Amino acid sequence: MGERHTRWGMNIREARKALGMSQWDLARAIYSSQAAVSRWECGTGHIPDDFKMALATTLGVSPDVLFAWEVAA
């Protein structure tokens, strides 16, 4: 399960960086905390469902791509 978490964490980080956003910028955009974004990117934190769509929308990435392992599982 850790490898799957690492994959979506990397997806979030890559999409955020491609937009030139800091973790703080992303957290503010989705009404979360920088610490939560950091945990998600490291794959150590659970992402509540409401934040999954907010992340995908803010990052301009389909949820199916951002969280690909969940669709394939």
C-alpha atoms as a PDB file:
ATOM      1  CA  MET A   1       0.000   0.000   0.000  1.00  0.00           C
ATOM      2  CA  GLY A   2       2.912   2.395   0.638  1.00  0.00           C
ATOM      3  CA  GLU A   3       3.927   2.320  -3.044  1.00  0.00           C
ATOM      4  CA  ARG A   4       0.437   3.373  -4.095  1.00  0.00           C
ATOM      5  CA  HIS A   5       0.468   6.270  -1.648  1.00  0.00           C
ATOM      6  CA  THR A   6       3.877   7.295  -2.957  1.00  0.00           C
ATOM      7  CA  ARG A   7       2.538   7.378  -6.536  1.00  0.00           C
ATOM      8  CA  TRP A   8      -0.355   9.743  -5.815  1.00  0.00           C
ATOM      9  CA  GLY A   9       1.883  11.827  -3.570  1.00  0.00           C
ATOM     10  CA  MET A  10       4.321  12.199  -6.457  1.00  0.00           C
ATOM     11  CA  ASN A  11       1.445  13.052  -8.800  1.00  0.00           C
ATOM     12  CA  ILE A  12       0.311  15.854  -6.503  1.00  0.00           C
ATOM     13  CA  ARG A  13       3.842  17.202  -6.090  1.00  0.00           C
ATOM     14  CA  GLU A  14       4.572  17.117  -9.830  1.00  0.00           C
ATOM     15  CA  ALA A  15       1.297  18.827 -10.760  1.00  0.00           C
ATOM     16  CA  ARG A  16       1.788  21.483  -8.067  1.00  0.00           C
ATOM     17  CA  LYS A  17       5.345  22.226  -9.162  1.00  0.00           C
ATOM     18  CA  ALA A  18       4.321  22.335 -12.843  1.00  0.00           C
ATOM     19  CA  LEU A  19       1.995  25.200 -11.898  1.00  0.00           C
ATOM     20  CA  GLY A  20       4.742  26.946  -9.940  1.00  0.00           C
ATOM     21  CA  MET A  21       2.791  26.626  -6.696  1.00  0.00           C
ATOM     22  CA  SER A  22       4.256  26.173  -3.252  1.00  0.00           C
ATOM     23  CA  GLN A  23       2.680  23.754  -0.796  1.00  0.00           C
ATOM     24  CA  TRP A  24       1.373  26.801   1.031  1.00  0.00           C
ATOM     25  CA  ASP A  25      -0.230  28.163  -2.166  1.00  0.00           C
ATOM     26  CA  LEU A  26      -1.958  24.858  -2.812  1.00  0.00           C
ATOM     27  CA  ALA A  27      -3.114  24.541   0.787  1.00  0.00           C
ATOM     28  CA  ARG A  28      -4.585  28.040   0.731  1.00  0.00           C
ATOM     29  CA  ALA A  29      -6.348  27.367  -2.599  1.00  0.00           C
ATOM     30  CA  ILE A  30      -8.119  24.279  -1.232  1.00  0.00           C
ATOM     31  CA  TYR A  31      -8.693  25.622   2.309  1.00  0.00           C
ATOM     32  CA  SER A  32      -6.303  23.187   3.946  1.00  0.00           C
ATOM     33  CA  SER A  33      -2.945  23.451   5.694  1.00  0.00           C
ATOM     34  CA  GLN A  34       0.586  23.306   4.339  1.00  0.00           C
ATOM     35  CA  ALA A  35       1.264  20.462   6.773  1.00  0.00           C
ATOM     36  CA  ALA A  36      -1.568  18.419   5.240  1.00  0.00           C
ATOM     37  CA  VAL A  37      -0.287  19.026   1.702  1.00  0.00           C
ATOM     38  CA  SER A  38       3.188  17.980   2.830  1.00  0.00           C
ATOM     39  CA  ARG A  39       1.832  14.749   4.365  1.00  0.00           C
ATOM     40  CA  TRP A  40      -0.154  13.977   1.211  1.00  0.00           C
ATOM     41  CA  GLU A  41       2.871  14.514  -1.004  1.00  0.00           C
ATOM     42  CA  CYS A  42       4.949  12.250   1.237  1.00  0.00           C
ATOM     43  CA  GLY A  43       2.186   9.647   1.087  1.00  0.00           C
ATOM     44  CA  THR A  44       1.757   9.564   4.847  1.00  0.00           C
ATOM     45  CA  GLY A  45      -1.598  11.272   5.203  1.00  0.00           C
ATOM     46  CA  HIS A  46      -5.125  10.241   4.297  1.00  0.00           C
ATOM     47  CA  ILE A  47      -6.789  12.596   1.814  1.00  0.00           C
ATOM     48  CA  PRO A  48     -10.459  13.142   2.663  1.00  0.00           C
ATOM     49  CA  ASP A  49     -12.728  12.706  -0.354  1.00  0.00           C
ATOM     50  CA  ASP A  50     -13.762  16.395  -0.382  1.00  0.00           C
ATOM     51  CA  PHE A  51     -10.130  17.388  -0.853  1.00  0.00           C
ATOM     52  CA  LYS A  52      -9.506  14.920  -3.690  1.00  0.00           C
ATOM     53  CA  MET A  53     -11.779  16.810  -6.077  1.00  0.00           C
ATOM     54  CA  ALA A  54     -10.484  20.169  -4.817  1.00  0.00           C
ATOM     55  CA  LEU A  55      -6.899  19.030  -5.467  1.00  0.00           C
ATOM     56  CA  ALA A  56      -7.690  17.754  -8.946  1.00  0.00           C
ATOM     57  CA  THR A  57      -9.599  20.915  -9.881  1.00  0.00           C
ATOM     58  CA  THR A  58      -6.970  23.282  -8.471  1.00  0.00           C
ATOM     59  CA  LEU A  59      -4.132  21.378 -10.113  1.00  0.00           C
ATOM     60  CA  GLY A  60      -6.002  21.076 -13.415  1.00  0.00           C
ATOM     61  CA  VAL A  61      -5.634  17.311 -13.470  1.00  0.00           C
ATOM     62  CA  SER A  62      -8.353  14.691 -13.809  1.00  0.00           C
ATOM     63  CA  PRO A  63      -8.946  12.832 -10.519  1.00  0.00           C
ATOM     64  CA  ASP A  64      -8.552   9.614 -12.525  1.00  0.00           C
ATOM     65  CA  VAL A  65      -5.014  10.670 -13.425  1.00  0.00           C
ATOM     66  CA  LEU A  66      -4.087  12.262 -10.100  1.00  0.00           C
ATOM     67  CA  PHE A  67      -5.284   9.231  -8.131  1.00  0.00           C
ATOM     68  CA  ALA A  68      -4.780   6.633 -10.885  1.00  0.00           C
ATOM     69  CA  TRP A  69      -4.115   3.766  -8.485  1.00  0.00           C
ATOM     70  CA  GLU A  70      -7.580   4.161  -6.948  1.00  0.00           C
ATOM     71  CA  VAL A  71      -9.252   3.745 -10.327  1.00  0.00           C
ATOM     72  CA  ALA A  72      -7.123   0.738 -11.264  1.00  0.00           C
ATOM     73  CA  ALA A  73      -7.485  -1.015  -7.901  1.00  0.00           C
END
